[in-house]
Amino acid sequence: MARFAAPKFALTSLLLVAAFLSPNLVQAKGPRPEGRVDSAAQIAVAELPRQGQETYERIRQGGPFAYDKDGTVFGNRERQLPAQKRGYYREYTVKTPGSRDRGARRIVCGGPPRTPDACYYTGDHYASFRQIVE
């Protein structure tokens, strides 16, 4: 029984040394801080893609929207936007030319539907947001 303990100990030691010497092998990601929208990360309405400008205008008019999911609650599970109560944020699709589905582009607005407190644009399916400014 004792002769099996040495190789097991050696393997464990080798793994620990490798992890210590090669930090890229083991890299844990901690939770993201709430509301990671940088105040400098803004985009003017005029800088949005044409389809984004059209979606933003439809949001201000209260519709109509091209997709059934438009206007539904955005859960902010990625915690990229400032923390708010569930139901505060709503998402809208920004059409992507050539895409066979909804694509990755969205506008997410918080507050009253036609007069939101703030709207955010993402071109990478919620990985990052830029606040829309008039």
C-alpha atoms as a PDB file:
ATOM      1  CA  MET A   1       0.000   0.000   0.000  1.00  0.00           C
ATOM      2  CA  ALA A   2       2.845   2.404   0.829  1.00  0.00           C
ATOM      3  CA  ARG A   3       4.444   2.068  -2.610  1.00  0.00           C
ATOM      4  CA  PHE A   4       1.343   3.669  -4.243  1.00  0.00           C
ATOM      5  CA  ALA A   5       1.418   6.704  -1.968  1.00  0.00           C
ATOM      6  CA  ALA A   6       4.722   8.070  -3.317  1.00  0.00           C
ATOM      7  CA  PRO A   7       3.614   8.346  -6.982  1.00  0.00           C
ATOM      8  CA  LYS A   8       0.305   9.905  -5.927  1.00  0.00           C
ATOM      9  CA  PHE A   9       2.172  12.436  -3.770  1.00  0.00           C
ATOM     10  CA  ALA A  10       4.646  13.142  -6.586  1.00  0.00           C
ATOM     11  CA  LEU A  11       1.854  13.726  -9.105  1.00  0.00           C
ATOM     12  CA  THR A  12       0.035  16.090  -6.754  1.00  0.00           C
ATOM     13  CA  SER A  13       3.256  17.996  -6.082  1.00  0.00           C
ATOM     14  CA  LEU A  14       4.017  18.217  -9.792  1.00  0.00           C
ATOM     15  CA  LEU A  15       0.546  19.631 -10.517  1.00  0.00           C
ATOM     16  CA  LEU A  16       0.881  22.220  -7.767  1.00  0.00           C
ATOM     17  CA  VAL A  17       4.301  23.330  -9.015  1.00  0.00           C
ATOM     18  CA  ALA A  18       3.003  23.547 -12.601  1.00  0.00           C
ATOM     19  CA  ALA A  19       0.042  25.651 -11.518  1.00  0.00           C
ATOM     20  CA  PHE A  20       2.313  27.939  -9.512  1.00  0.00           C
ATOM     21  CA  LEU A  21       4.871  28.387 -12.273  1.00  0.00           C
ATOM     22  CA  SER A  22       2.314  28.674 -15.086  1.00  0.00           C
ATOM     23  CA  PRO A  23      -0.435  31.043 -13.943  1.00  0.00           C
ATOM     24  CA  ASN A  24      -2.032  30.921 -17.394  1.00  0.00           C
ATOM     25  CA  LEU A  25      -3.002  27.280 -16.857  1.00  0.00           C
ATOM     26  CA  VAL A  26      -5.319  28.080 -13.974  1.00  0.00           C
ATOM     27  CA  GLN A  27      -7.181  31.333 -14.228  1.00  0.00           C
ATOM     28  CA  ALA A  28     -10.332  31.839 -12.224  1.00  0.00           C
ATOM     29  CA  LYS A  29     -12.702  34.659 -13.043  1.00  0.00           C
ATOM     30  CA  GLY A  30     -14.392  36.371 -10.171  1.00  0.00           C
ATOM     31  CA  PRO A  31     -17.847  37.926 -10.261  1.00  0.00           C
ATOM     32  CA  ARG A  32     -18.182  41.088 -12.283  1.00  0.00           C
ATOM     33  CA  PRO A  33     -18.842  44.290 -10.410  1.00  0.00           C
ATOM     34  CA  GLU A  34     -22.378  45.606 -10.784  1.00  0.00           C
ATOM     35  CA  GLY A  35     -23.000  48.012 -13.645  1.00  0.00           C
ATOM     36  CA  ARG A  36     -19.850  47.855 -15.726  1.00  0.00           C
ATOM     37  CA  VAL A  37     -20.926  50.552 -18.176  1.00  0.00           C
ATOM     38  CA  ASP A  38     -18.040  53.011 -18.211  1.00  0.00           C
ATOM     39  CA  SER A  39     -19.325  56.573 -18.202  1.00  0.00           C
ATOM     40  CA  ALA A  40     -16.902  57.298 -21.058  1.00  0.00           C
ATOM     41  CA  ALA A  41     -18.416  54.451 -23.096  1.00  0.00           C
ATOM     42  CA  GLN A  42     -21.038  56.459 -24.909  1.00  0.00           C
ATOM     43  CA  ILE A  43     -22.358  56.507 -28.436  1.00  0.00           C
ATOM     44  CA  ALA A  44     -24.329  59.283 -30.091  1.00  0.00           C
ATOM     45  CA  VAL A  45     -27.571  58.343 -31.828  1.00  0.00           C
ATOM     46  CA  ALA A  46     -25.990  59.534 -35.093  1.00  0.00           C
ATOM     47  CA  GLU A  47     -23.096  57.081 -34.579  1.00  0.00           C
ATOM     48  CA  LEU A  48     -25.390  54.057 -34.266  1.00  0.00           C
ATOM     49  CA  PRO A  49     -25.699  51.860 -37.338  1.00  0.00           C
ATOM     50  CA  ARG A  50     -28.649  52.950 -39.513  1.00  0.00           C
ATOM     51  CA  GLN A  51     -30.701  50.014 -38.191  1.00  0.00           C
ATOM     52  CA  GLY A  52     -29.877  51.113 -34.623  1.00  0.00           C
ATOM     53  CA  GLN A  53     -31.100  54.626 -35.340  1.00  0.00           C
ATOM     54  CA  GLU A  54     -34.331  53.195 -36.721  1.00  0.00           C
ATOM     55  CA  THR A  55     -34.817  50.964 -33.670  1.00  0.00           C
ATOM     56  CA  TYR A  56     -34.104  53.862 -31.303  1.00  0.00           C
ATOM     57  CA  GLU A  57     -36.719  55.990 -33.099  1.00  0.00           C
ATOM     58  CA  ARG A  58     -39.283  53.154 -32.881  1.00  0.00           C
ATOM     59  CA  ILE A  59     -38.616  52.872 -29.141  1.00  0.00           C
ATOM     60  CA  ARG A  60     -39.412  56.587 -28.775  1.00  0.00           C
ATOM     61  CA  GLN A  61     -42.606  56.117 -30.831  1.00  0.00           C
ATOM     62  CA  GLY A  62     -43.719  53.012 -28.929  1.00  0.00           C
ATOM     63  CA  GLY A  63     -43.388  50.674 -31.936  1.00  0.00           C
ATOM     64  CA  PRO A  64     -44.126  48.881 -34.118  1.00  0.00           C
ATOM     65  CA  PHE A  65     -41.314  46.370 -33.643  1.00  0.00           C
ATOM     66  CA  ALA A  66     -40.156  43.663 -36.023  1.00  0.00           C
ATOM     67  CA  TYR A  67     -39.582  40.870 -33.478  1.00  0.00           C
ATOM     68  CA  ASP A  68     -41.865  39.309 -30.853  1.00  0.00           C
ATOM     69  CA  LYS A  69     -39.087  39.567 -28.233  1.00  0.00           C
ATOM     70  CA  ASP A  70     -38.775  43.333 -28.707  1.00  0.00           C
ATOM     71  CA  GLY A  71     -39.938  45.176 -25.616  1.00  0.00           C
ATOM     72  CA  THR A  72     -39.578  42.152 -23.348  1.00  0.00           C
ATOM     73  CA  VAL A  73     -37.828  42.332 -19.997  1.00  0.00           C
ATOM     74  CA  PHE A  74     -34.039  42.246 -20.085  1.00  0.00           C
ATOM     75  CA  GLY A  75     -32.764  40.472 -16.968  1.00  0.00           C
ATOM     76  CA  ASN A  76     -29.277  42.063 -16.848  1.00  0.00           C
ATOM     77  CA  ARG A  77     -27.852  38.648 -15.867  1.00  0.00           C
ATOM     78  CA  GLU A  78     -24.450  39.696 -17.182  1.00  0.00           C
ATOM     79  CA  ARG A  79     -24.529  42.597 -14.700  1.00  0.00           C
ATOM     80  CA  GLN A  80     -23.134  44.960 -17.281  1.00  0.00           C
ATOM     81  CA  LEU A  81     -25.789  47.616 -16.663  1.00  0.00           C
ATOM     82  CA  PRO A  82     -26.464  49.470 -13.394  1.00  0.00           C
ATOM     83  CA  ALA A  83     -28.434  47.312 -10.952  1.00  0.00           C
ATOM     84  CA  GLN A  84     -32.197  47.886 -11.029  1.00  0.00           C
ATOM     85  CA  LYS A  85     -35.315  45.960 -10.055  1.00  0.00           C
ATOM     86  CA  ARG A  86     -36.469  43.226 -12.420  1.00  0.00           C
ATOM     87  CA  GLY A  87     -38.636  44.662 -15.172  1.00  0.00           C
ATOM     88  CA  TYR A  88     -36.782  47.984 -15.332  1.00  0.00           C
ATOM     89  CA  TYR A  89     -34.848  47.121 -18.495  1.00  0.00           C
ATOM     90  CA  ARG A  90     -36.389  46.126 -21.844  1.00  0.00           C
ATOM     91  CA  GLU A  91     -34.541  44.908 -24.905  1.00  0.00           C
ATOM     92  CA  TYR A  92     -35.019  45.653 -28.586  1.00  0.00           C
ATOM     93  CA  THR A  93     -33.420  44.029 -31.626  1.00  0.00           C
ATOM     94  CA  VAL A  94     -31.242  46.040 -33.974  1.00  0.00           C
ATOM     95  CA  LYS A  95     -31.463  44.261 -37.328  1.00  0.00           C
ATOM     96  CA  THR A  96     -28.227  42.870 -38.676  1.00  0.00           C
ATOM     97  CA  PRO A  97     -28.100  42.818 -42.486  1.00  0.00           C
ATOM     98  CA  GLY A  98     -27.555  39.291 -43.789  1.00  0.00           C
ATOM     99  CA  SER A  99     -28.341  37.632 -40.463  1.00  0.00           C
ATOM    100  CA  ARG A 100     -30.881  34.805 -40.573  1.00  0.00           C
ATOM    101  CA  ASP A 101     -31.842  35.326 -36.931  1.00  0.00           C
ATOM    102  CA  ARG A 102     -32.002  38.307 -34.572  1.00  0.00           C
ATOM    103  CA  GLY A 103     -28.242  38.734 -34.650  1.00  0.00           C
ATOM    104  CA  ALA A 104     -26.139  40.127 -31.808  1.00  0.00           C
ATOM    105  CA  ARG A 105     -27.097  43.788 -31.839  1.00  0.00           C
ATOM    106  CA  ARG A 106     -29.541  45.165 -29.274  1.00  0.00           C
ATOM    107  CA  ILE A 107     -30.681  48.342 -27.611  1.00  0.00           C
ATOM    108  CA  VAL A 108     -31.608  47.966 -23.946  1.00  0.00           C
ATOM    109  CA  CYS A 109     -33.576  50.776 -22.295  1.00  0.00           C
ATOM    110  CA  GLY A 110     -34.457  51.349 -18.671  1.00  0.00           C
ATOM    111  CA  GLY A 111     -37.460  53.223 -17.380  1.00  0.00           C
ATOM    112  CA  PRO A 112     -40.745  54.168 -19.036  1.00  0.00           C
ATOM    113  CA  PRO A 113     -41.118  52.628 -22.516  1.00  0.00           C
ATOM    114  CA  ARG A 114     -41.425  55.805 -24.654  1.00  0.00           C
ATOM    115  CA  THR A 115     -39.367  58.073 -22.444  1.00  0.00           C
ATOM    116  CA  PRO A 116     -36.643  55.836 -21.010  1.00  0.00           C
ATOM    117  CA  ASP A 117     -34.243  57.044 -18.346  1.00  0.00           C
ATOM    118  CA  ALA A 118     -31.319  55.622 -20.321  1.00  0.00           C
ATOM    119  CA  CYS A 119     -30.689  53.400 -23.347  1.00  0.00           C
ATOM    120  CA  TYR A 120     -27.634  51.291 -24.101  1.00  0.00           C
ATOM    121  CA  TYR A 121     -26.346  49.787 -27.341  1.00  0.00           C
ATOM    122  CA  THR A 122     -24.564  46.432 -27.617  1.00  0.00           C
ATOM    123  CA  GLY A 123     -23.147  45.098 -30.838  1.00  0.00           C
ATOM    124  CA  ASP A 124     -21.768  41.948 -29.222  1.00  0.00           C
ATOM    125  CA  HIS A 125     -24.808  40.344 -27.581  1.00  0.00           C
ATOM    126  CA  TYR A 126     -24.476  41.849 -24.095  1.00  0.00           C
ATOM    127  CA  ALA A 127     -20.706  41.455 -23.678  1.00  0.00           C
ATOM    128  CA  SER A 128     -20.334  45.256 -23.622  1.00  0.00           C
ATOM    129  CA  PHE A 129     -22.622  48.267 -23.663  1.00  0.00           C
ATOM    130  CA  ARG A 130     -22.327  51.921 -24.637  1.00  0.00           C
ATOM    131  CA  GLN A 131     -24.813  54.449 -23.340  1.00  0.00           C
ATOM    132  CA  ILE A 132     -26.751  56.184 -26.109  1.00  0.00           C
ATOM    133  CA  VAL A 133     -26.632  59.970 -25.924  1.00  0.00           C
ATOM    134  CA  GLU A 134     -28.668  62.419 -28.001  1.00  0.00           C
END
